[in-house]
Amino acid sequence: MKIATAVTALLSSLAPAVFAADIQPKPGAGLPTEDYHYGMKVDVQKVLYRTDVSDKTGVVPVIMVYTDSQGETHKMRFLEWGGRYDG
């Protein structure tokens, strides 16, 4: 009985670490969001994250997290046509 209690206690203490490993923060979490305005110069070297709008209709807001040519990470919000057409 003592062994079963010890094993249960050990497994219970490891469970939070296992679940925490599955939780990934969203790219760009904690970064300020900059709104895009027509004519802005945007230096995008690599896109790290982009909102999927393939199942949306009409004009929808998109969040893009990217690195610039200096290696700095930015988060930008802009509008885009969704990829779904209901017509």
PDB file of N, CA and C in Angstrom:
ATOM      1  N   MET A   1       0.818  -1.200   0.000  1.00  0.00           N
ATOM      2  CA  MET A   1       0.000   0.000   0.000  1.00  0.00           C
ATOM      3  C   MET A   1       0.856   1.255   0.000  1.00  0.00           C
ATOM      4  N   LYS A   2       1.980   1.206   0.746  1.00  0.00           N
ATOM      5  CA  LYS A   2       2.845   2.374   0.801  1.00  0.00           C
ATOM      6  C   LYS A   2       3.470   2.656  -0.559  1.00  0.00           C
ATOM      7  N   ILE A   3       3.777   1.600  -1.323  1.00  0.00           N
ATOM      8  CA  ILE A   3       4.374   1.783  -2.648  1.00  0.00           C
ATOM      9  C   ILE A   3       3.364   2.447  -3.579  1.00  0.00           C
ATOM     10  N   ALA A   4       2.123   2.004  -3.539  1.00  0.00           N
ATOM     11  CA  ALA A   4       1.093   2.599  -4.391  1.00  0.00           C
ATOM     12  C   ALA A   4       0.906   4.077  -4.058  1.00  0.00           C
ATOM     13  N   THR A   5       0.934   4.417  -2.791  1.00  0.00           N
ATOM     14  CA  THR A   5       0.798   5.812  -2.377  1.00  0.00           C
ATOM     15  C   THR A   5       1.987   6.633  -2.861  1.00  0.00           C
ATOM     16  N   ALA A   6       3.184   6.069  -2.758  1.00  0.00           N
ATOM     17  CA  ALA A   6       4.391   6.774  -3.199  1.00  0.00           C
ATOM     18  C   ALA A   6       4.373   6.992  -4.711  1.00  0.00           C
ATOM     19  N   VAL A   7       3.955   5.977  -5.470  1.00  0.00           N
ATOM     20  CA  VAL A   7       3.889   6.100  -6.929  1.00  0.00           C
ATOM     21  C   VAL A   7       2.850   7.147  -7.318  1.00  0.00           C
ATOM     22  N   THR A   8       1.701   7.130  -6.668  1.00  0.00           N
ATOM     23  CA  THR A   8       0.661   8.116  -6.947  1.00  0.00           C
ATOM     24  C   THR A   8       1.155   9.532  -6.652  1.00  0.00           C
ATOM     25  N   ALA A   9       1.841   9.698  -5.541  1.00  0.00           N
ATOM     26  CA  ALA A   9       2.371  11.017  -5.186  1.00  0.00           C
ATOM     27  C   ALA A   9       3.407  11.478  -6.204  1.00  0.00           C
ATOM     28  N   LEU A  10       4.265  10.562  -6.644  1.00  0.00           N
ATOM     29  CA  LEU A  10       5.290  10.911  -7.627  1.00  0.00           C
ATOM     30  C   LEU A  10       4.655  11.325  -8.950  1.00  0.00           C
ATOM     31  N   LEU A  11       3.703  10.541  -9.441  1.00  0.00           N
ATOM     32  CA  LEU A  11       3.046  10.863 -10.706  1.00  0.00           C
ATOM     33  C   LEU A  11       2.249  12.159 -10.614  1.00  0.00           C
ATOM     34  N   SER A  12       1.621  12.398  -9.483  1.00  0.00           N
ATOM     35  CA  SER A  12       0.864  13.635  -9.295  1.00  0.00           C
ATOM     36  C   SER A  12       1.777  14.853  -9.317  1.00  0.00           C
ATOM     37  N   SER A  13       2.982  14.710  -8.779  1.00  0.00           N
ATOM     38  CA  SER A  13       3.903  15.848  -8.762  1.00  0.00           C
ATOM     39  C   SER A  13       4.469  16.136 -10.147  1.00  0.00           C
ATOM     40  N   LEU A  14       4.513  15.139 -11.035  1.00  0.00           N
ATOM     41  CA  LEU A  14       5.040  15.331 -12.381  1.00  0.00           C
ATOM     42  C   LEU A  14       3.988  15.845 -13.356  1.00  0.00           C
ATOM     43  N   ALA A  15       2.724  15.659 -13.075  1.00  0.00           N
ATOM     44  CA  ALA A  15       1.654  16.023 -14.004  1.00  0.00           C
ATOM     45  C   ALA A  15       1.668  17.498 -14.408  1.00  0.00           C
ATOM     46  N   PRO A  16       1.818  18.446 -13.485  1.00  0.00           N
ATOM     47  CA  PRO A  16       1.829  19.854 -13.924  1.00  0.00           C
ATOM     48  C   PRO A  16       2.955  20.163 -14.910  1.00  0.00           C
ATOM     49  N   ALA A  17       4.113  19.563 -14.738  1.00  0.00           N
ATOM     50  CA  ALA A  17       5.228  19.806 -15.657  1.00  0.00           C
ATOM     51  C   ALA A  17       4.926  19.251 -17.042  1.00  0.00           C
ATOM     52  N   VAL A  18       4.266  18.112 -17.111  1.00  0.00           N
ATOM     53  CA  VAL A  18       3.922  17.514 -18.401  1.00  0.00           C
ATOM     54  C   VAL A  18       2.914  18.389 -19.131  1.00  0.00           C
ATOM     55  N   PHE A  19       1.887  18.855 -18.426  1.00  0.00           N
ATOM     56  CA  PHE A  19       0.883  19.707 -19.062  1.00  0.00           C
ATOM     57  C   PHE A  19       1.460  21.062 -19.447  1.00  0.00           C
ATOM     58  N   ALA A  20       2.344  21.609 -18.651  1.00  0.00           N
ATOM     59  CA  ALA A  20       2.954  22.906 -18.957  1.00  0.00           C
ATOM     60  C   ALA A  20       3.799  22.830 -20.214  1.00  0.00           C
ATOM     61  N   ALA A  21       4.401  21.687 -20.489  1.00  0.00           N
ATOM     62  CA  ALA A  21       5.228  21.536 -21.685  1.00  0.00           C
ATOM     63  C   ALA A  21       4.387  21.618 -22.952  1.00  0.00           C
ATOM     64  N   ASP A  22       3.092  21.268 -22.865  1.00  0.00           N
ATOM     65  CA  ASP A  22       2.214  21.314 -24.031  1.00  0.00           C
ATOM     66  C   ASP A  22       1.698  22.721 -24.330  1.00  0.00           C
ATOM     67  N   ILE A  23       1.756  23.613 -23.363  1.00  0.00           N
ATOM     68  CA  ILE A  23       1.235  24.963 -23.549  1.00  0.00           C
ATOM     69  C   ILE A  23       2.326  25.837 -24.144  1.00  0.00           C
ATOM     70  N   GLN A  24       2.083  26.318 -25.349  1.00  0.00           N
ATOM     71  CA  GLN A  24       3.032  27.186 -26.041  1.00  0.00           C
ATOM     72  C   GLN A  24       2.455  28.597 -26.084  1.00  0.00           C
ATOM     73  N   PRO A  25       3.247  29.608 -25.720  1.00  0.00           N
ATOM     74  CA  PRO A  25       2.728  30.969 -25.851  1.00  0.00           C
ATOM     75  C   PRO A  25       2.572  31.335 -27.317  1.00  0.00           C
ATOM     76  N   LYS A  26       1.590  32.175 -27.620  1.00  0.00           N
ATOM     77  CA  LYS A  26       1.401  32.615 -29.002  1.00  0.00           C
ATOM     78  C   LYS A  26       2.588  33.467 -29.420  1.00  0.00           C
ATOM     79  N   PRO A  27       3.006  33.332 -30.674  1.00  0.00           N
ATOM     80  CA  PRO A  27       4.083  34.198 -31.146  1.00  0.00           C
ATOM     81  C   PRO A  27       3.676  35.662 -31.016  1.00  0.00           C
ATOM     82  N   GLY A  28       4.581  36.465 -30.528  1.00  0.00           N
ATOM     83  CA  GLY A  28       4.303  37.885 -30.379  1.00  0.00           C
ATOM     84  C   GLY A  28       3.597  38.258 -29.091  1.00  0.00           C
ATOM     85  N   ALA A  29       3.355  37.271 -28.212  1.00  0.00           N
ATOM     86  CA  ALA A  29       2.698  37.572 -26.940  1.00  0.00           C
ATOM     87  C   ALA A  29       3.551  38.578 -26.174  1.00  0.00           C
ATOM     88  N   GLY A  30       2.928  39.624 -25.700  1.00  0.00           N
ATOM     89  CA  GLY A  30       3.645  40.645 -24.954  1.00  0.00           C
ATOM     90  C   GLY A  30       4.170  41.792 -25.806  1.00  0.00           C
ATOM     91  N   LEU A  31       4.136  41.644 -27.119  1.00  0.00           N
ATOM     92  CA  LEU A  31       4.575  42.725 -28.003  1.00  0.00           C
ATOM     93  C   LEU A  31       3.431  43.711 -28.225  1.00  0.00           C
ATOM     94  N   PRO A  32       3.728  44.999 -28.346  1.00  0.00           N
ATOM     95  CA  PRO A  32       2.665  45.945 -28.690  1.00  0.00           C
ATOM     96  C   PRO A  32       2.216  45.726 -30.134  1.00  0.00           C
ATOM     97  N   THR A  33       0.931  45.896 -30.385  1.00  0.00           N
ATOM     98  CA  THR A  33       0.388  45.722 -31.732  1.00  0.00           C
ATOM     99  C   THR A  33       0.366  47.064 -32.450  1.00  0.00           C
ATOM    100  N   GLU A  34       0.986  47.101 -33.620  1.00  0.00           N
ATOM    101  CA  GLU A  34       1.015  48.312 -34.428  1.00  0.00           C
ATOM    102  C   GLU A  34      -0.023  48.168 -35.541  1.00  0.00           C
ATOM    103  N   ASP A  35      -0.847  49.191 -35.731  1.00  0.00           N
ATOM    104  CA  ASP A  35      -1.836  49.181 -36.808  1.00  0.00           C
ATOM    105  C   ASP A  35      -1.191  49.662 -38.096  1.00  0.00           C
ATOM    106  N   TYR A  36      -1.410  48.906 -39.172  1.00  0.00           N
ATOM    107  CA  TYR A  36      -0.878  49.296 -40.479  1.00  0.00           C
ATOM    108  C   TYR A  36      -1.714  50.430 -41.052  1.00  0.00           C
ATOM    109  N   HIS A  37      -1.040  51.389 -41.651  1.00  0.00           N
ATOM    110  CA  HIS A  37      -1.694  52.485 -42.364  1.00  0.00           C
ATOM    111  C   HIS A  37      -1.153  52.517 -43.777  1.00  0.00           C
ATOM    112  N   TYR A  38      -2.003  52.846 -44.726  1.00  0.00           N
ATOM    113  CA  TYR A  38      -1.617  52.880 -46.131  1.00  0.00           C
ATOM    114  C   TYR A  38      -0.353  53.718 -46.315  1.00  0.00           C
ATOM    115  N   GLY A  39       0.598  53.156 -47.026  1.00  0.00           N
ATOM    116  CA  GLY A  39       1.843  53.853 -47.321  1.00  0.00           C
ATOM    117  C   GLY A  39       2.958  53.610 -46.322  1.00  0.00           C
ATOM    118  N   MET A  40       2.681  52.882 -45.236  1.00  0.00           N
ATOM    119  CA  MET A  40       3.735  52.600 -44.255  1.00  0.00           C
ATOM    120  C   MET A  40       4.820  51.750 -44.884  1.00  0.00           C
ATOM    121  N   LYS A  41       6.048  52.030 -44.552  1.00  0.00           N
ATOM    122  CA  LYS A  41       7.169  51.189 -44.966  1.00  0.00           C
ATOM    123  C   LYS A  41       7.286  50.065 -43.935  1.00  0.00           C
ATOM    124  N   VAL A  42       7.189  48.839 -44.397  1.00  0.00           N
ATOM    125  CA  VAL A  42       7.261  47.685 -43.501  1.00  0.00           C
ATOM    126  C   VAL A  42       8.430  46.818 -43.940  1.00  0.00           C
ATOM    127  N   ASP A  43       9.343  46.556 -43.023  1.00  0.00           N
ATOM    128  CA  ASP A  43      10.542  45.761 -43.292  1.00  0.00           C
ATOM    129  C   ASP A  43      10.305  44.344 -42.758  1.00  0.00           C
ATOM    130  N   VAL A  44       9.835  43.451 -43.624  1.00  0.00           N
ATOM    131  CA  VAL A  44       9.538  42.074 -43.212  1.00  0.00           C
ATOM    132  C   VAL A  44      10.612  41.153 -43.765  1.00  0.00           C
ATOM    133  N   GLN A  45      11.380  40.563 -42.867  1.00  0.00           N
ATOM    134  CA  GLN A  45      12.394  39.591 -43.264  1.00  0.00           C
ATOM    135  C   GLN A  45      11.799  38.180 -43.241  1.00  0.00           C
ATOM    136  N   LYS A  46      11.055  37.874 -42.146  1.00  0.00           N
ATOM    137  CA  LYS A  46      10.477  36.534 -42.002  1.00  0.00           C
ATOM    138  C   LYS A  46       9.175  36.633 -41.209  1.00  0.00           C
ATOM    139  N   VAL A  47       8.128  35.984 -41.717  1.00  0.00           N
ATOM    140  CA  VAL A  47       6.842  35.948 -41.016  1.00  0.00           C
ATOM    141  C   VAL A  47       6.871  34.779 -40.039  1.00  0.00           C
ATOM    142  N   LEU A  48       6.611  35.072 -38.757  1.00  0.00           N
ATOM    143  CA  LEU A  48       6.602  34.044 -37.717  1.00  0.00           C
ATOM    144  C   LEU A  48       5.196  33.509 -37.460  1.00  0.00           C
ATOM    145  N   TYR A  49       4.199  34.365 -37.623  1.00  0.00           N
ATOM    146  CA  TYR A  49       2.807  33.983 -37.375  1.00  0.00           C
ATOM    147  C   TYR A  49       1.907  34.909 -38.177  1.00  0.00           C
ATOM    148  N   ARG A  50       0.797  34.368 -38.638  1.00  0.00           N
ATOM    149  CA  ARG A  50      -0.183  35.155 -39.378  1.00  0.00           C
ATOM    150  C   ARG A  50      -1.553  34.536 -39.136  1.00  0.00           C
ATOM    151  N   THR A  51      -2.540  35.357 -38.850  1.00  0.00           N
ATOM    152  CA  THR A  51      -3.899  34.874 -38.633  1.00  0.00           C
ATOM    153  C   THR A  51      -4.400  34.164 -39.887  1.00  0.00           C
ATOM    154  N   ASP A  52      -5.001  32.984 -39.704  1.00  0.00           N
ATOM    155  CA  ASP A  52      -5.573  32.241 -40.831  1.00  0.00           C
ATOM    156  C   ASP A  52      -6.965  32.794 -41.120  1.00  0.00           C
ATOM    157  N   VAL A  53      -7.152  33.337 -42.314  1.00  0.00           N
ATOM    158  CA  VAL A  53      -8.454  33.890 -42.705  1.00  0.00           C
ATOM    159  C   VAL A  53      -9.066  33.102 -43.857  1.00  0.00           C
ATOM    160  N   SER A  54      -8.575  31.896 -44.104  1.00  0.00           N
ATOM    161  CA  SER A  54      -9.059  31.103 -45.234  1.00  0.00           C
ATOM    162  C   SER A  54     -10.529  30.718 -45.090  1.00  0.00           C
ATOM    163  N   ASP A  55     -11.034  30.681 -43.857  1.00  0.00           N
ATOM    164  CA  ASP A  55     -12.436  30.303 -43.642  1.00  0.00           C
ATOM    165  C   ASP A  55     -13.326  31.505 -43.319  1.00  0.00           C
ATOM    166  N   LYS A  56     -12.824  32.712 -43.525  1.00  0.00           N
ATOM    167  CA  LYS A  56     -13.574  33.937 -43.225  1.00  0.00           C
ATOM    168  C   LYS A  56     -14.082  34.584 -44.509  1.00  0.00           C
ATOM    169  N   THR A  57     -15.190  35.325 -44.395  1.00  0.00           N
ATOM    170  CA  THR A  57     -15.726  36.062 -45.544  1.00  0.00           C
ATOM    171  C   THR A  57     -15.628  37.554 -45.270  1.00  0.00           C
ATOM    172  N   GLY A  58     -15.481  38.317 -46.340  1.00  0.00           N
ATOM    173  CA  GLY A  58     -15.404  39.764 -46.203  1.00  0.00           C
ATOM    174  C   GLY A  58     -14.038  40.226 -45.734  1.00  0.00           C
ATOM    175  N   VAL A  59     -13.993  41.476 -45.314  1.00  0.00           N
ATOM    176  CA  VAL A  59     -12.754  42.074 -44.828  1.00  0.00           C
ATOM    177  C   VAL A  59     -12.628  41.770 -43.343  1.00  0.00           C
ATOM    178  N   VAL A  60     -11.499  41.189 -42.959  1.00  0.00           N
ATOM    179  CA  VAL A  60     -11.290  40.774 -41.573  1.00  0.00           C
ATOM    180  C   VAL A  60      -9.931  41.261 -41.074  1.00  0.00           C
ATOM    181  N   PRO A  61      -9.808  41.476 -39.756  1.00  0.00           N
ATOM    182  CA  PRO A  61      -8.515  41.879 -39.212  1.00  0.00           C
ATOM    183  C   PRO A  61      -7.553  40.694 -39.167  1.00  0.00           C
ATOM    184  N   VAL A  62      -6.295  40.975 -39.449  1.00  0.00           N
ATOM    185  CA  VAL A  62      -5.239  39.963 -39.447  1.00  0.00           C
ATOM    186  C   VAL A  62      -4.127  40.451 -38.528  1.00  0.00           C
ATOM    187  N   ILE A  63      -3.570  39.548 -37.750  1.00  0.00           N
ATOM    188  CA  ILE A  63      -2.386  39.845 -36.943  1.00  0.00           C
ATOM    189  C   ILE A  63      -1.215  39.106 -37.571  1.00  0.00           C
ATOM    190  N   MET A  64      -0.118  39.826 -37.772  1.00  0.00           N
ATOM    191  CA  MET A  64       1.097  39.215 -38.312  1.00  0.00           C
ATOM    192  C   MET A  64       2.246  39.532 -37.359  1.00  0.00           C
ATOM    193  N   VAL A  65       2.977  38.499 -36.983  1.00  0.00           N
ATOM    194  CA  VAL A  65       4.188  38.660 -36.184  1.00  0.00           C
ATOM    195  C   VAL A  65       5.348  38.338 -37.099  1.00  0.00           C
ATOM    196  N   TYR A  66       6.331  39.219 -37.134  1.00  0.00           N
ATOM    197  CA  TYR A  66       7.435  39.054 -38.075  1.00  0.00           C
ATOM    198  C   TYR A  66       8.732  39.608 -37.505  1.00  0.00           C
ATOM    199  N   THR A  67       9.833  39.186 -38.112  1.00  0.00           N
ATOM    200  CA  THR A  67      11.126  39.780 -37.792  1.00  0.00           C
ATOM    201  C   THR A  67      11.534  40.664 -38.951  1.00  0.00           C
ATOM    202  N   ASP A  68      12.217  41.757 -38.623  1.00  0.00           N
ATOM    203  CA  ASP A  68      12.695  42.658 -39.664  1.00  0.00           C
ATOM    204  C   ASP A  68      14.144  42.321 -40.017  1.00  0.00           C
ATOM    205  N   SER A  69      14.733  43.089 -40.911  1.00  0.00           N
ATOM    206  CA  SER A  69      16.097  42.795 -41.366  1.00  0.00           C
ATOM    207  C   SER A  69      17.138  43.014 -40.273  1.00  0.00           C
ATOM    208  N   GLN A  70      16.757  43.668 -39.174  1.00  0.00           N
ATOM    209  CA  GLN A  70      17.662  43.864 -38.039  1.00  0.00           C
ATOM    210  C   GLN A  70      17.494  42.763 -36.989  1.00  0.00           C
ATOM    211  N   GLY A  71      16.554  41.829 -37.233  1.00  0.00           N
ATOM    212  CA  GLY A  71      16.321  40.732 -36.298  1.00  0.00           C
ATOM    213  C   GLY A  71      15.337  41.061 -35.187  1.00  0.00           C
ATOM    214  N   GLU A  72      14.728  42.238 -35.229  1.00  0.00           N
ATOM    215  CA  GLU A  72      13.749  42.619 -34.211  1.00  0.00           C
ATOM    216  C   GLU A  72      12.374  42.052 -34.568  1.00  0.00           C
ATOM    217  N   THR A  73      11.609  41.679 -33.542  1.00  0.00           N
ATOM    218  CA  THR A  73      10.285  41.099 -33.740  1.00  0.00           C
ATOM    219  C   THR A  73       9.218  42.177 -33.581  1.00  0.00           C
ATOM    220  N   HIS A  74       8.233  42.158 -34.477  1.00  0.00           N
ATOM    221  CA  HIS A  74       7.144  43.132 -34.485  1.00  0.00           C
ATOM    222  C   HIS A  74       5.810  42.409 -34.629  1.00  0.00           C
ATOM    223  N   LYS A  75       4.740  43.081 -34.165  1.00  0.00           N
ATOM    224  CA  LYS A  75       3.381  42.558 -34.344  1.00  0.00           C
ATOM    225  C   LYS A  75       2.541  43.656 -34.981  1.00  0.00           C
ATOM    226  N   MET A  76       1.904  43.321 -36.108  1.00  0.00           N
ATOM    227  CA  MET A  76       1.136  44.310 -36.854  1.00  0.00           C
ATOM    228  C   MET A  76      -0.274  43.807 -37.130  1.00  0.00           C
ATOM    229  N   ARG A  77      -1.233  44.736 -37.075  1.00  0.00           N
ATOM    230  CA  ARG A  77      -2.627  44.418 -37.396  1.00  0.00           C
ATOM    231  C   ARG A  77      -2.993  45.162 -38.680  1.00  0.00           C
ATOM    232  N   PHE A  78      -3.663  44.439 -39.593  1.00  0.00           N
ATOM    233  CA  PHE A  78      -4.121  45.048 -40.840  1.00  0.00           C
ATOM    234  C   PHE A  78      -5.381  44.341 -41.300  1.00  0.00           C
ATOM    235  N   LEU A  79      -6.035  44.871 -42.316  1.00  0.00           N
ATOM    236  CA  LEU A  79      -7.265  44.282 -42.849  1.00  0.00           C
ATOM    237  C   LEU A  79      -6.968  43.537 -44.141  1.00  0.00           C
ATOM    238  N   GLU A  80      -7.688  42.443 -44.342  1.00  0.00           N
ATOM    239  CA  GLU A  80      -7.487  41.613 -45.534  1.00  0.00           C
ATOM    240  C   GLU A  80      -8.809  40.933 -45.889  1.00  0.00           C
ATOM    241  N   TRP A  81      -8.991  40.642 -47.174  1.00  0.00           N
ATOM    242  CA  TRP A  81     -10.154  39.866 -47.596  1.00  0.00           C
ATOM    243  C   TRP A  81      -9.993  38.439 -47.119  1.00  0.00           C
ATOM    244  N   GLY A  82     -11.065  37.894 -46.534  1.00  0.00           N
ATOM    245  CA  GLY A  82     -11.058  36.494 -46.143  1.00  0.00           C
ATOM    246  C   GLY A  82     -11.026  35.599 -47.370  1.00  0.00           C
ATOM    247  N   GLY A  83     -10.642  34.360 -47.183  1.00  0.00           N
ATOM    248  CA  GLY A  83     -10.483  33.436 -48.301  1.00  0.00           C
ATOM    249  C   GLY A  83     -11.743  32.696 -48.703  1.00  0.00           C
ATOM    250  N   ARG A  84     -12.834  32.872 -47.955  1.00  0.00           N
ATOM    251  CA  ARG A  84     -14.067  32.144 -48.250  1.00  0.00           C
ATOM    252  C   ARG A  84     -15.058  33.064 -48.941  1.00  0.00           C
ATOM    253  N   TYR A  85     -15.735  32.529 -49.916  1.00  0.00           N
ATOM    254  CA  TYR A  85     -16.741  33.302 -50.648  1.00  0.00           C
ATOM    255  C   TYR A  85     -18.083  32.608 -50.526  1.00  0.00           C
ATOM    256  N   ASP A  86     -19.058  33.294 -49.983  1.00  0.00           N
ATOM    257  CA  ASP A  86     -20.426  32.765 -49.897  1.00  0.00           C
ATOM    258  C   ASP A  86     -21.296  33.558 -50.859  1.00  0.00           C
ATOM    259  N   GLY A  87     -21.400  33.064 -52.077  1.00  0.00           N
ATOM    260  CA  GLY A  87     -22.180  33.856 -53.010  1.00  0.00           C
ATOM    261  C   GLY A  87     -22.893  33.096 -54.009  1.00  0.00           C
TER     262      GLY A  87
END
